[in-house]
Every structure is written in structure tokens, then in C-alpha cells.
Amino acid sequence: MKRRHLLMTAAASVAALHSPAWAAYPDKPITFIVPFPPGGPADGYGRALAQALGEQLKQTVVVENRAGAGGAVGVQAVARAAPDGYTIGMAGSGATIFQPILSDKMIVDIFKETTLLSKMVSTPNFLVVGPSLKVNTVAELIARAKAQPGKLTFASAGPGSGPHILGELFRQQANVDIVHVPYKGATPALQDLMGSHVDMFFGEAPGVLSLVKEGKLRALFTTDKRRAKWLPDVPHAAEVGLPGVMADGFYGVVAPANLPPETATVLRRALDAALRSPKLAEAFDQRAGTPEPSTGEQYGAYVKSEQERWLPVVRKGNIKLE
């Protein structure tokens, strides 16, 4: 009897050693890093997802803003965290697509330093012009630019930012001579656009929709293959004769590298459920965003294909980050 009891105790101990520690994950709050300032469109997406993810995991998900370097600082903070599933975060196109092809000194390499969990959300971009530029169509804008080479200006959120690269793509595809004017963020760029200090800007929908609807800016086209439902009267890229000028605002979700596979599975399943929920779809829709659930492999393949697509544009435009 005693021998049988000892054998049962030993078996239970072995089972405990080999039982998945992740079975209780998550048993404490999770930090969700948003690599942009509070109050902006990206922050809105991040907070909406954090709430939905918390509901799926039955755990608190706390948002922490870590802005800087076009979103790379926040992604770096995720990469440097313990790989236990309790720190994850957003990653925008700046940190994942543009910075790696613009600089030899990457702040963070998402393929080596993070675990790609899922795509998250996409939002359309619009070319908007200020009140002083008397054009109503892309054709009129291109004609004006060709008649006055080097005079028209396009603002950006900074060197190497999405609006900068997209503006360069437009310049190449439309074969026009327009001048880049960088700002420290989209907000000051839009302020100067409304003040007629610059002529045009490629902006993500959440930042420009209200300004267009209020008549403070005019949207000439969306850089997408279809019209955006939030501004259905605005033509898409192919409709204005620029089918190659395509780009959306894009964000995904990452965790530190070497995340235990079981923990990654839990997170991916929760993210997938959250991103497919009607409640989150509505929250994103209010911010002109569309949920983009995916596998980690699909996320990685998308980033690689986008890097390959944008590299010739960057090289032709001689755009570099020191």
C-alpha cells in the first residue's frame, strides 16, 4: 500500500513538471504598448483592441503609450520586454516597412526581435489639398504642377514617414516636380495645410475625414483600389489614372521574440476572436478602420512584400534616414 502511494505521488510530481505552465496564462494584467502619442487615431485603434482583447482573455489589458521615431521606439520596447506574453504592442508601417529600407541602422528588426502575432487594422489614405490651391481634381493638380515645376509643395509627418514616401510615389507616378516639406507629425502638417503654407498632404482617413467633411480641406482621391465608404464620392487611384499610387495606413500586433509557442497560440486565438467581433469592427469603423485578422505568417509575408514594393520608390527618390 505504501509502495503504491509512493508510486502515485511520484507520477503526480512528474505530471506536474510536464504540465503546461501556460495553461493559467494570463493570470495577471497584460501591457499593450501603443507606439504613438495618446489621443491620436492609432491610439484609438490600440485602446479599442486592448479592451476587446481583455474581454477575450478575461484579463485586464493596460495601454501604455511609447511614442518616438515613427513608432519604432514603442516596438523596440516590446522587443526588449520579457518573452512571457505580458507585454505586447502595436507596430505601424513606419517601424516595420519603411525604416528597414530607409536606414542601415534599424532601431528594431521585427523579424529577429519580435514575434509577429497578427495584422490588426487598415485605414485608407487620401490626398488632400488646402483652401488656397484652386484645383478640384487630380488632373487639374497634375496640370498645375507641370505648368509650375518646383512650386507646389507636399507636407509630411517627417522624413521617411508614410506621407513622405507616398508623396514621393505620387511624384514619380504623376511625373511632376513637387517639393517635400517635412513636419514633426501629421497634426502640424495639417495645420499648415489649412493655413495655406503648403499645398497638399497624403493623410490617413482618421486624421483628415472631419476636416474634409467640414470643408476645411478637399480630398482629391484615395490611394486604394476601391472608394472608401467614409467618403464615397472621392475617386480611387485607378479612377484618377494613377493605379500604381496605392497605400493604406496599416498596423499589426507583435510580442517579444522567443515567445513560448503555447503562449503565442493563446494570444493569436484571442486576437483573432477580438478582431472578428462586431463590437470591435464598429469601434474601428467609427475611426475609419477595417479589422485585419491574420496569422503571424500572413503578417510577415505582407511586411516583406511591402518592403519589396517600396524599395524601388525609396531608391529612385534617394530617400534616406541618417
C-alpha atoms as a PDB file:
ATOM      1  CA  MET A   1       0.000   0.000   0.000  1.00  0.00           C
ATOM      2  CA  LYS A   2       2.796   2.323   0.943  1.00  0.00           C
ATOM      3  CA  ARG A   3       4.687   1.460  -2.269  1.00  0.00           C
ATOM      4  CA  ARG A   4       1.541   2.131  -4.330  1.00  0.00           C
ATOM      5  CA  HIS A   5       1.093   5.518  -2.616  1.00  0.00           C
ATOM      6  CA  LEU A   6       4.705   6.450  -3.331  1.00  0.00           C
ATOM      7  CA  LEU A   7       4.335   5.489  -6.983  1.00  0.00           C
ATOM      8  CA  MET A   8       1.177   7.575  -7.316  1.00  0.00           C
ATOM      9  CA  THR A   9       2.867  10.543  -5.653  1.00  0.00           C
ATOM     10  CA  ALA A  10       5.873  10.254  -7.955  1.00  0.00           C
ATOM     11  CA  ALA A  11       3.628  10.039 -11.013  1.00  0.00           C
ATOM     12  CA  ALA A  12       1.745  13.125  -9.911  1.00  0.00           C
ATOM     13  CA  SER A  13       5.015  15.009  -9.436  1.00  0.00           C
ATOM     14  CA  VAL A  14       6.207  14.075 -12.929  1.00  0.00           C
ATOM     15  CA  ALA A  15       2.864  15.137 -14.397  1.00  0.00           C
ATOM     16  CA  ALA A  16       3.124  18.467 -12.602  1.00  0.00           C
ATOM     17  CA  LEU A  17       6.586  19.038 -14.012  1.00  0.00           C
ATOM     18  CA  HIS A  18       5.387  18.368 -17.526  1.00  0.00           C
ATOM     19  CA  SER A  19       2.042  20.160 -17.250  1.00  0.00           C
ATOM     20  CA  PRO A  20       1.853  23.301 -19.392  1.00  0.00           C
ATOM     21  CA  ALA A  21       2.627  26.331 -17.236  1.00  0.00           C
ATOM     22  CA  TRP A  22       0.879  28.406 -19.887  1.00  0.00           C
ATOM     23  CA  ALA A  23      -2.437  26.772 -19.001  1.00  0.00           C
ATOM     24  CA  ALA A  24      -3.027  29.561 -16.474  1.00  0.00           C
ATOM     25  CA  TYR A  25      -1.935  32.300 -18.882  1.00  0.00           C
ATOM     26  CA  PRO A  26      -2.767  35.082 -18.465  1.00  0.00           C
ATOM     27  CA  ASP A  27      -3.007  35.267 -14.681  1.00  0.00           C
ATOM     28  CA  LYS A  28      -2.092  38.962 -14.383  1.00  0.00           C
ATOM     29  CA  PRO A  29      -2.631  42.172 -16.397  1.00  0.00           C
ATOM     30  CA  ILE A  30      -1.081  42.471 -19.853  1.00  0.00           C
ATOM     31  CA  THR A  31       0.628  45.650 -21.069  1.00  0.00           C
ATOM     32  CA  PHE A  32      -0.291  46.717 -24.591  1.00  0.00           C
ATOM     33  CA  ILE A  33       2.201  49.259 -25.943  1.00  0.00           C
ATOM     34  CA  VAL A  34       0.888  51.818 -28.422  1.00  0.00           C
ATOM     35  CA  PRO A  35       3.921  53.392 -30.149  1.00  0.00           C
ATOM     36  CA  PHE A  36       2.200  56.727 -30.773  1.00  0.00           C
ATOM     37  CA  PRO A  37       1.010  59.650 -28.618  1.00  0.00           C
ATOM     38  CA  PRO A  38      -2.295  59.399 -26.728  1.00  0.00           C
ATOM     39  CA  GLY A  39      -5.362  60.862 -28.361  1.00  0.00           C
ATOM     40  CA  GLY A  40      -4.408  60.189 -31.970  1.00  0.00           C
ATOM     41  CA  PRO A  41      -6.010  57.780 -34.460  1.00  0.00           C
ATOM     42  CA  ALA A  42      -3.510  54.976 -33.795  1.00  0.00           C
ATOM     43  CA  ASP A  43      -4.080  55.340 -30.054  1.00  0.00           C
ATOM     44  CA  GLY A  44      -7.812  54.974 -30.651  1.00  0.00           C
ATOM     45  CA  TYR A  45      -7.303  51.724 -32.539  1.00  0.00           C
ATOM     46  CA  GLY A  46      -4.964  50.438 -29.841  1.00  0.00           C
ATOM     47  CA  ARG A  47      -7.309  51.181 -26.964  1.00  0.00           C
ATOM     48  CA  ALA A  48     -10.261  49.630 -28.761  1.00  0.00           C
ATOM     49  CA  LEU A  49      -8.308  46.442 -29.407  1.00  0.00           C
ATOM     50  CA  ALA A  50      -6.927  46.340 -25.867  1.00  0.00           C
ATOM     51  CA  GLN A  51     -10.442  46.365 -24.470  1.00  0.00           C
ATOM     52  CA  ALA A  52     -11.656  43.678 -26.876  1.00  0.00           C
ATOM     53  CA  LEU A  53      -8.575  41.530 -26.224  1.00  0.00           C
ATOM     54  CA  GLY A  54      -9.079  41.824 -22.477  1.00  0.00           C
ATOM     55  CA  GLU A  55     -12.635  40.575 -22.860  1.00  0.00           C
ATOM     56  CA  GLN A  56     -11.421  37.552 -24.799  1.00  0.00           C
ATOM     57  CA  LEU A  57      -8.639  36.716 -22.339  1.00  0.00           C
ATOM     58  CA  LYS A  58     -10.723  37.540 -19.244  1.00  0.00           C
ATOM     59  CA  GLN A  59      -7.860  39.703 -18.072  1.00  0.00           C
ATOM     60  CA  THR A  60      -7.019  43.411 -17.859  1.00  0.00           C
ATOM     61  CA  VAL A  61      -5.051  44.788 -20.805  1.00  0.00           C
ATOM     62  CA  VAL A  62      -3.399  48.111 -19.935  1.00  0.00           C
ATOM     63  CA  VAL A  63      -2.444  50.553 -22.694  1.00  0.00           C
ATOM     64  CA  GLU A  64       0.950  52.247 -22.418  1.00  0.00           C
ATOM     65  CA  ASN A  65       1.952  54.933 -24.929  1.00  0.00           C
ATOM     66  CA  ARG A  66       5.614  54.893 -26.030  1.00  0.00           C
ATOM     67  CA  ALA A  67       5.911  57.373 -28.901  1.00  0.00           C
ATOM     68  CA  GLY A  68       9.018  58.221 -30.900  1.00  0.00           C
ATOM     69  CA  ALA A  69      10.935  57.560 -34.124  1.00  0.00           C
ATOM     70  CA  GLY A  70       7.837  56.997 -36.210  1.00  0.00           C
ATOM     71  CA  GLY A  71       6.605  54.238 -33.931  1.00  0.00           C
ATOM     72  CA  ALA A  72       9.899  52.349 -33.692  1.00  0.00           C
ATOM     73  CA  VAL A  73      10.564  53.293 -30.050  1.00  0.00           C
ATOM     74  CA  GLY A  74       7.406  51.570 -28.875  1.00  0.00           C
ATOM     75  CA  VAL A  75       8.089  48.465 -30.953  1.00  0.00           C
ATOM     76  CA  GLN A  76      11.602  48.374 -29.529  1.00  0.00           C
ATOM     77  CA  ALA A  77      10.123  48.483 -26.009  1.00  0.00           C
ATOM     78  CA  VAL A  78       8.048  45.409 -26.863  1.00  0.00           C
ATOM     79  CA  ALA A  79      11.107  43.640 -28.272  1.00  0.00           C
ATOM     80  CA  ARG A  80      13.094  44.291 -25.096  1.00  0.00           C
ATOM     81  CA  ALA A  81      10.374  43.034 -22.752  1.00  0.00           C
ATOM     82  CA  ALA A  82      10.368  39.584 -21.184  1.00  0.00           C
ATOM     83  CA  PRO A  83       9.035  36.989 -23.660  1.00  0.00           C
ATOM     84  CA  ASP A  84       6.258  35.827 -21.374  1.00  0.00           C
ATOM     85  CA  GLY A  85       3.187  37.209 -23.119  1.00  0.00           C
ATOM     86  CA  TYR A  86       2.613  40.010 -20.635  1.00  0.00           C
ATOM     87  CA  THR A  87       3.959  42.759 -22.908  1.00  0.00           C
ATOM     88  CA  ILE A  88       2.703  43.050 -26.479  1.00  0.00           C
ATOM     89  CA  GLY A  89       2.065  46.028 -28.712  1.00  0.00           C
ATOM     90  CA  MET A  90       1.122  47.680 -31.976  1.00  0.00           C
ATOM     91  CA  ALA A  91       3.503  48.080 -34.892  1.00  0.00           C
ATOM     92  CA  GLY A  92       2.848  50.545 -37.692  1.00  0.00           C
ATOM     93  CA  SER A  93       4.153  50.613 -41.247  1.00  0.00           C
ATOM     94  CA  GLY A  94       6.851  53.129 -40.302  1.00  0.00           C
ATOM     95  CA  ALA A  95       8.684  50.722 -37.990  1.00  0.00           C
ATOM     96  CA  THR A  96       8.000  47.548 -39.957  1.00  0.00           C
ATOM     97  CA  ILE A  97       8.121  48.592 -43.614  1.00  0.00           C
ATOM     98  CA  PHE A  98       9.748  51.980 -44.145  1.00  0.00           C
ATOM     99  CA  GLN A  99      12.545  52.288 -41.570  1.00  0.00           C
ATOM    100  CA  PRO A 100      14.177  48.980 -42.512  1.00  0.00           C
ATOM    101  CA  ILE A 101      14.546  50.127 -46.135  1.00  0.00           C
ATOM    102  CA  LEU A 102      15.472  53.722 -45.304  1.00  0.00           C
ATOM    103  CA  SER A 103      18.330  53.201 -42.889  1.00  0.00           C
ATOM    104  CA  ASP A 104      21.216  50.823 -42.264  1.00  0.00           C
ATOM    105  CA  LYS A 105      20.777  51.449 -38.540  1.00  0.00           C
ATOM    106  CA  MET A 106      17.420  49.902 -37.723  1.00  0.00           C
ATOM    107  CA  ILE A 107      16.021  50.703 -34.307  1.00  0.00           C
ATOM    108  CA  VAL A 108      14.284  47.336 -34.238  1.00  0.00           C
ATOM    109  CA  ASP A 109      14.235  44.344 -36.597  1.00  0.00           C
ATOM    110  CA  ILE A 110      10.791  42.829 -36.232  1.00  0.00           C
ATOM    111  CA  PHE A 111      11.771  39.583 -37.950  1.00  0.00           C
ATOM    112  CA  LYS A 112      14.605  38.940 -35.477  1.00  0.00           C
ATOM    113  CA  GLU A 113      13.473  40.744 -32.346  1.00  0.00           C
ATOM    114  CA  THR A 114       9.718  40.187 -32.231  1.00  0.00           C
ATOM    115  CA  THR A 115       7.065  37.539 -32.639  1.00  0.00           C
ATOM    116  CA  LEU A 116       4.537  38.579 -35.273  1.00  0.00           C
ATOM    117  CA  LEU A 117       1.092  37.813 -33.916  1.00  0.00           C
ATOM    118  CA  SER A 118      -1.446  39.224 -36.356  1.00  0.00           C
ATOM    119  CA  LYS A 119      -2.373  42.024 -38.661  1.00  0.00           C
ATOM    120  CA  MET A 120      -4.646  44.441 -36.857  1.00  0.00           C
ATOM    121  CA  VAL A 121      -6.293  47.257 -38.814  1.00  0.00           C
ATOM    122  CA  SER A 122      -6.045  49.163 -42.077  1.00  0.00           C
ATOM    123  CA  THR A 123      -7.330  52.619 -42.960  1.00  0.00           C
ATOM    124  CA  PRO A 124      -7.388  54.438 -46.310  1.00  0.00           C
ATOM    125  CA  ASN A 125      -5.149  57.351 -47.234  1.00  0.00           C
ATOM    126  CA  PHE A 126      -6.406  60.442 -49.046  1.00  0.00           C
ATOM    127  CA  LEU A 127      -4.630  63.139 -50.993  1.00  0.00           C
ATOM    128  CA  VAL A 128      -5.992  66.357 -49.520  1.00  0.00           C
ATOM    129  CA  VAL A 129      -5.310  69.913 -50.646  1.00  0.00           C
ATOM    130  CA  GLY A 130      -5.592  73.203 -48.814  1.00  0.00           C
ATOM    131  CA  PRO A 131      -8.051  76.039 -49.395  1.00  0.00           C
ATOM    132  CA  SER A 132      -5.651  78.210 -51.399  1.00  0.00           C
ATOM    133  CA  LEU A 133      -4.950  75.596 -54.066  1.00  0.00           C
ATOM    134  CA  LYS A 134      -7.770  76.093 -56.569  1.00  0.00           C
ATOM    135  CA  VAL A 135      -7.961  72.605 -58.034  1.00  0.00           C
ATOM    136  CA  ASN A 136     -10.844  70.165 -57.755  1.00  0.00           C
ATOM    137  CA  THR A 137      -9.439  67.074 -59.470  1.00  0.00           C
ATOM    138  CA  VAL A 138      -6.166  65.178 -59.668  1.00  0.00           C
ATOM    139  CA  ALA A 139      -5.935  66.028 -63.359  1.00  0.00           C
ATOM    140  CA  GLU A 140      -6.097  69.733 -62.523  1.00  0.00           C
ATOM    141  CA  LEU A 141      -3.491  69.284 -59.797  1.00  0.00           C
ATOM    142  CA  ILE A 142      -1.078  67.495 -62.139  1.00  0.00           C
ATOM    143  CA  ALA A 143      -1.610  70.117 -64.841  1.00  0.00           C
ATOM    144  CA  ARG A 144      -0.854  72.886 -62.332  1.00  0.00           C
ATOM    145  CA  ALA A 145       2.269  71.088 -61.103  1.00  0.00           C
ATOM    146  CA  LYS A 146       3.573  70.594 -64.638  1.00  0.00           C
ATOM    147  CA  ALA A 147       2.879  74.203 -65.538  1.00  0.00           C
ATOM    148  CA  GLN A 148       4.747  75.396 -62.421  1.00  0.00           C
ATOM    149  CA  PRO A 149       7.539  72.874 -61.739  1.00  0.00           C
ATOM    150  CA  GLY A 150       9.095  73.115 -58.294  1.00  0.00           C
ATOM    151  CA  LYS A 151       6.436  75.445 -56.943  1.00  0.00           C
ATOM    152  CA  LEU A 152       3.801  73.174 -55.392  1.00  0.00           C
ATOM    153  CA  THR A 153       4.616  71.590 -52.032  1.00  0.00           C
ATOM    154  CA  PHE A 154       3.531  68.470 -50.203  1.00  0.00           C
ATOM    155  CA  ALA A 155       3.722  68.169 -46.440  1.00  0.00           C
ATOM    156  CA  SER A 156       4.669  65.063 -44.485  1.00  0.00           C
ATOM    157  CA  ALA A 157       4.795  63.888 -40.893  1.00  0.00           C
ATOM    158  CA  GLY A 158       8.587  63.840 -41.123  1.00  0.00           C
ATOM    159  CA  PRO A 159      11.383  62.452 -43.308  1.00  0.00           C
ATOM    160  CA  GLY A 160      10.752  58.809 -44.129  1.00  0.00           C
ATOM    161  CA  SER A 161       7.184  58.877 -42.810  1.00  0.00           C
ATOM    162  CA  GLY A 162       4.270  57.307 -44.656  1.00  0.00           C
ATOM    163  CA  PRO A 163       3.047  60.652 -46.053  1.00  0.00           C
ATOM    164  CA  HIS A 164       6.583  61.384 -47.287  1.00  0.00           C
ATOM    165  CA  ILE A 165       7.022  58.060 -49.074  1.00  0.00           C
ATOM    166  CA  LEU A 166       3.510  58.185 -50.503  1.00  0.00           C
ATOM    167  CA  GLY A 167       4.071  61.742 -51.708  1.00  0.00           C
ATOM    168  CA  GLU A 168       7.268  60.586 -53.416  1.00  0.00           C
ATOM    169  CA  LEU A 169       5.366  57.735 -55.091  1.00  0.00           C
ATOM    170  CA  PHE A 170       2.809  60.240 -56.383  1.00  0.00           C
ATOM    171  CA  ARG A 171       5.597  62.499 -57.644  1.00  0.00           C
ATOM    172  CA  GLN A 172       7.152  59.608 -59.580  1.00  0.00           C
ATOM    173  CA  GLN A 173       3.916  58.151 -60.943  1.00  0.00           C
ATOM    174  CA  ALA A 174       2.453  61.526 -61.973  1.00  0.00           C
ATOM    175  CA  ASN A 175       5.846  62.702 -63.269  1.00  0.00           C
ATOM    176  CA  VAL A 176       5.621  66.064 -61.527  1.00  0.00           C
ATOM    177  CA  ASP A 177       8.159  68.277 -59.765  1.00  0.00           C
ATOM    178  CA  ILE A 178       6.747  68.978 -56.296  1.00  0.00           C
ATOM    179  CA  VAL A 179       8.683  69.900 -53.156  1.00  0.00           C
ATOM    180  CA  HIS A 180       8.651  67.917 -49.913  1.00  0.00           C
ATOM    181  CA  VAL A 181       8.136  69.883 -46.679  1.00  0.00           C
ATOM    182  CA  PRO A 182       8.627  67.724 -43.548  1.00  0.00           C
ATOM    183  CA  TYR A 183       6.908  68.394 -40.214  1.00  0.00           C
ATOM    184  CA  LYS A 184       7.179  66.833 -36.783  1.00  0.00           C
ATOM    185  CA  GLY A 185       3.969  64.858 -37.057  1.00  0.00           C
ATOM    186  CA  ALA A 186       0.733  64.916 -39.025  1.00  0.00           C
ATOM    187  CA  THR A 187      -1.005  67.484 -36.799  1.00  0.00           C
ATOM    188  CA  PRO A 188       1.326  70.444 -37.519  1.00  0.00           C
ATOM    189  CA  ALA A 189       1.392  69.423 -41.197  1.00  0.00           C
ATOM    190  CA  LEU A 190      -2.395  69.599 -41.379  1.00  0.00           C
ATOM    191  CA  GLN A 191      -2.456  72.890 -39.515  1.00  0.00           C
ATOM    192  CA  ASP A 192      -0.111  74.455 -42.038  1.00  0.00           C
ATOM    193  CA  LEU A 193      -2.076  72.893 -44.890  1.00  0.00           C
ATOM    194  CA  MET A 194      -5.260  74.570 -43.649  1.00  0.00           C
ATOM    195  CA  GLY A 195      -3.285  77.781 -43.235  1.00  0.00           C
ATOM    196  CA  SER A 196      -2.185  77.582 -46.887  1.00  0.00           C
ATOM    197  CA  HIS A 197       1.510  77.328 -46.019  1.00  0.00           C
ATOM    198  CA  VAL A 198       1.758  74.068 -48.000  1.00  0.00           C
ATOM    199  CA  ASP A 199      -0.360  72.743 -50.843  1.00  0.00           C
ATOM    200  CA  MET A 200      -1.108  69.043 -50.306  1.00  0.00           C
ATOM    201  CA  PHE A 201      -0.797  66.121 -47.919  1.00  0.00           C
ATOM    202  CA  PHE A 202      -1.336  62.356 -48.033  1.00  0.00           C
ATOM    203  CA  GLY A 203      -3.105  61.569 -44.772  1.00  0.00           C
ATOM    204  CA  GLU A 204      -4.763  58.605 -43.122  1.00  0.00           C
ATOM    205  CA  ALA A 205      -8.537  58.783 -43.026  1.00  0.00           C
ATOM    206  CA  PRO A 206      -8.962  59.266 -39.243  1.00  0.00           C
ATOM    207  CA  GLY A 207      -6.858  62.433 -39.361  1.00  0.00           C
ATOM    208  CA  VAL A 208      -8.434  64.074 -42.393  1.00  0.00           C
ATOM    209  CA  LEU A 209     -12.062  62.916 -42.646  1.00  0.00           C
ATOM    210  CA  SER A 210     -13.567  65.503 -40.319  1.00  0.00           C
ATOM    211  CA  LEU A 211     -11.562  68.304 -41.967  1.00  0.00           C
ATOM    212  CA  VAL A 212     -12.830  67.259 -45.389  1.00  0.00           C
ATOM    213  CA  LYS A 213     -16.431  66.988 -44.209  1.00  0.00           C
ATOM    214  CA  GLU A 214     -16.192  70.422 -42.587  1.00  0.00           C
ATOM    215  CA  GLY A 215     -14.913  71.914 -45.850  1.00  0.00           C
ATOM    216  CA  LYS A 216     -11.521  72.875 -44.442  1.00  0.00           C
ATOM    217  CA  LEU A 217      -9.708  70.560 -46.882  1.00  0.00           C
ATOM    218  CA  ARG A 218     -10.591  68.900 -50.194  1.00  0.00           C
ATOM    219  CA  ALA A 219      -9.928  65.216 -50.874  1.00  0.00           C
ATOM    220  CA  LEU A 220      -8.928  64.536 -54.473  1.00  0.00           C
ATOM    221  CA  PHE A 221      -8.542  60.750 -54.356  1.00  0.00           C
ATOM    222  CA  THR A 222      -7.938  57.770 -52.101  1.00  0.00           C
ATOM    223  CA  THR A 223      -4.842  55.637 -52.604  1.00  0.00           C
ATOM    224  CA  ASP A 224      -6.814  52.412 -52.758  1.00  0.00           C
ATOM    225  CA  LYS A 225      -8.299  50.062 -55.350  1.00  0.00           C
ATOM    226  CA  ARG A 226     -11.817  50.972 -54.261  1.00  0.00           C
ATOM    227  CA  ARG A 227     -13.651  54.007 -52.963  1.00  0.00           C
ATOM    228  CA  ALA A 228     -13.764  54.427 -49.207  1.00  0.00           C
ATOM    229  CA  LYS A 229     -17.212  54.191 -47.677  1.00  0.00           C
ATOM    230  CA  TRP A 230     -16.436  57.096 -45.374  1.00  0.00           C
ATOM    231  CA  LEU A 231     -16.041  59.423 -48.404  1.00  0.00           C
ATOM    232  CA  PRO A 232     -17.851  57.549 -51.192  1.00  0.00           C
ATOM    233  CA  ASP A 233     -17.803  60.464 -53.638  1.00  0.00           C
ATOM    234  CA  VAL A 234     -13.987  60.596 -53.695  1.00  0.00           C
ATOM    235  CA  PRO A 235     -12.459  58.563 -56.567  1.00  0.00           C
ATOM    236  CA  HIS A 236      -9.869  55.836 -56.059  1.00  0.00           C
ATOM    237  CA  ALA A 237      -6.400  55.616 -57.582  1.00  0.00           C
ATOM    238  CA  ALA A 238      -7.295  53.858 -60.833  1.00  0.00           C
ATOM    239  CA  GLU A 239     -10.195  56.233 -61.434  1.00  0.00           C
ATOM    240  CA  VAL A 240      -7.822  59.208 -61.492  1.00  0.00           C
ATOM    241  CA  GLY A 241      -5.323  57.463 -63.764  1.00  0.00           C
ATOM    242  CA  LEU A 242      -2.809  56.556 -61.051  1.00  0.00           C
ATOM    243  CA  PRO A 243      -3.380  52.833 -60.397  1.00  0.00           C
ATOM    244  CA  GLY A 244       0.134  52.457 -59.023  1.00  0.00           C
ATOM    245  CA  VAL A 245      -0.338  55.030 -56.245  1.00  0.00           C
ATOM    246  CA  MET A 246      -1.612  52.556 -53.694  1.00  0.00           C
ATOM    247  CA  ALA A 247      -1.083  52.555 -49.942  1.00  0.00           C
ATOM    248  CA  ASP A 248      -3.144  52.295 -46.787  1.00  0.00           C
ATOM    249  CA  GLY A 249      -2.446  53.054 -43.169  1.00  0.00           C
ATOM    250  CA  PHE A 250      -1.587  49.721 -41.576  1.00  0.00           C
ATOM    251  CA  TYR A 251      -0.972  48.359 -38.069  1.00  0.00           C
ATOM    252  CA  GLY A 252      -0.209  44.911 -36.679  1.00  0.00           C
ATOM    253  CA  VAL A 253       0.401  43.294 -33.282  1.00  0.00           C
ATOM    254  CA  VAL A 254       3.766  41.983 -32.081  1.00  0.00           C
ATOM    255  CA  ALA A 255       5.281  40.382 -28.988  1.00  0.00           C
ATOM    256  CA  PRO A 256       8.908  39.827 -27.947  1.00  0.00           C
ATOM    257  CA  ALA A 257      10.944  37.216 -29.809  1.00  0.00           C
ATOM    258  CA  ASN A 258      11.202  33.728 -28.309  1.00  0.00           C
ATOM    259  CA  LEU A 259       7.629  33.834 -27.053  1.00  0.00           C
ATOM    260  CA  PRO A 260       6.628  30.304 -25.962  1.00  0.00           C
ATOM    261  CA  PRO A 261       4.586  28.742 -28.780  1.00  0.00           C
ATOM    262  CA  GLU A 262       1.733  27.900 -26.437  1.00  0.00           C
ATOM    263  CA  THR A 263       1.503  31.498 -25.231  1.00  0.00           C
ATOM    264  CA  ALA A 264       1.632  32.766 -28.792  1.00  0.00           C
ATOM    265  CA  THR A 265      -1.232  30.426 -29.665  1.00  0.00           C
ATOM    266  CA  VAL A 266      -3.361  31.760 -26.821  1.00  0.00           C
ATOM    267  CA  LEU A 267      -2.703  35.337 -27.900  1.00  0.00           C
ATOM    268  CA  ARG A 268      -3.333  34.679 -31.582  1.00  0.00           C
ATOM    269  CA  ARG A 269      -6.630  32.956 -30.883  1.00  0.00           C
ATOM    270  CA  ALA A 270      -7.750  35.795 -28.625  1.00  0.00           C
ATOM    271  CA  LEU A 271      -6.671  38.408 -31.177  1.00  0.00           C
ATOM    272  CA  ASP A 272      -8.480  36.593 -33.968  1.00  0.00           C
ATOM    273  CA  ALA A 273     -11.683  36.419 -31.937  1.00  0.00           C
ATOM    274  CA  ALA A 274     -11.399  40.074 -30.919  1.00  0.00           C
ATOM    275  CA  LEU A 275     -10.720  41.282 -34.461  1.00  0.00           C
ATOM    276  CA  ARG A 276     -13.689  39.329 -35.800  1.00  0.00           C
ATOM    277  CA  SER A 277     -16.111  40.630 -33.190  1.00  0.00           C
ATOM    278  CA  PRO A 278     -18.879  43.014 -34.361  1.00  0.00           C
ATOM    279  CA  LYS A 279     -18.180  45.257 -31.384  1.00  0.00           C
ATOM    280  CA  LEU A 280     -14.565  45.900 -32.381  1.00  0.00           C
ATOM    281  CA  ALA A 281     -15.496  46.224 -36.052  1.00  0.00           C
ATOM    282  CA  GLU A 282     -17.879  49.016 -35.077  1.00  0.00           C
ATOM    283  CA  ALA A 283     -15.227  50.706 -32.921  1.00  0.00           C
ATOM    284  CA  PHE A 284     -12.741  50.602 -35.802  1.00  0.00           C
ATOM    285  CA  ASP A 285     -15.389  51.752 -38.275  1.00  0.00           C
ATOM    286  CA  GLN A 286     -16.009  54.859 -36.180  1.00  0.00           C
ATOM    287  CA  ARG A 287     -12.310  55.613 -36.696  1.00  0.00           C
ATOM    288  CA  ALA A 288     -12.391  54.782 -40.429  1.00  0.00           C
ATOM    289  CA  GLY A 289     -10.582  51.497 -39.916  1.00  0.00           C
ATOM    290  CA  THR A 290     -11.166  47.922 -41.036  1.00  0.00           C
ATOM    291  CA  PRO A 291     -10.127  44.918 -38.879  1.00  0.00           C
ATOM    292  CA  GLU A 292      -7.405  42.761 -40.463  1.00  0.00           C
ATOM    293  CA  PRO A 293      -7.171  39.436 -38.585  1.00  0.00           C
ATOM    294  CA  SER A 294      -4.460  37.112 -39.886  1.00  0.00           C
ATOM    295  CA  THR A 295      -1.896  34.512 -38.955  1.00  0.00           C
ATOM    296  CA  GLY A 296       1.615  35.508 -37.958  1.00  0.00           C
ATOM    297  CA  GLU A 297       2.902  34.046 -41.218  1.00  0.00           C
ATOM    298  CA  GLN A 298       0.493  36.155 -43.259  1.00  0.00           C
ATOM    299  CA  TYR A 299       1.545  39.248 -41.334  1.00  0.00           C
ATOM    300  CA  GLY A 300       5.224  38.562 -42.021  1.00  0.00           C
ATOM    301  CA  ALA A 301       4.599  37.875 -45.710  1.00  0.00           C
ATOM    302  CA  TYR A 302       2.711  41.160 -46.032  1.00  0.00           C
ATOM    303  CA  VAL A 303       5.532  43.169 -44.451  1.00  0.00           C
ATOM    304  CA  LYS A 304       8.145  41.552 -46.703  1.00  0.00           C
ATOM    305  CA  SER A 305       6.096  42.148 -49.850  1.00  0.00           C
ATOM    306  CA  GLU A 306       5.546  45.795 -48.887  1.00  0.00           C
ATOM    307  CA  GLN A 307       9.256  46.320 -48.224  1.00  0.00           C
ATOM    308  CA  GLU A 308       9.991  44.930 -51.693  1.00  0.00           C
ATOM    309  CA  ARG A 309       7.319  47.149 -53.266  1.00  0.00           C
ATOM    310  CA  TRP A 310       8.534  50.358 -51.665  1.00  0.00           C
ATOM    311  CA  LEU A 311      12.287  49.827 -52.000  1.00  0.00           C
ATOM    312  CA  PRO A 312      12.489  50.990 -55.671  1.00  0.00           C
ATOM    313  CA  VAL A 313      10.441  54.095 -54.793  1.00  0.00           C
ATOM    314  CA  VAL A 314      12.803  54.972 -51.951  1.00  0.00           C
ATOM    315  CA  ARG A 315      15.904  54.408 -54.071  1.00  0.00           C
ATOM    316  CA  LYS A 316      14.606  56.413 -57.007  1.00  0.00           C
ATOM    317  CA  GLY A 317      13.664  59.259 -54.680  1.00  0.00           C
ATOM    318  CA  ASN A 318      17.054  58.991 -52.881  1.00  0.00           C
ATOM    319  CA  ILE A 319      15.278  58.963 -49.510  1.00  0.00           C
ATOM    320  CA  LYS A 320      17.468  58.025 -46.563  1.00  0.00           C
ATOM    321  CA  LEU A 321      17.349  58.287 -42.792  1.00  0.00           C
ATOM    322  CA  GLU A 322      20.624  59.084 -41.104  1.00  0.00           C
END
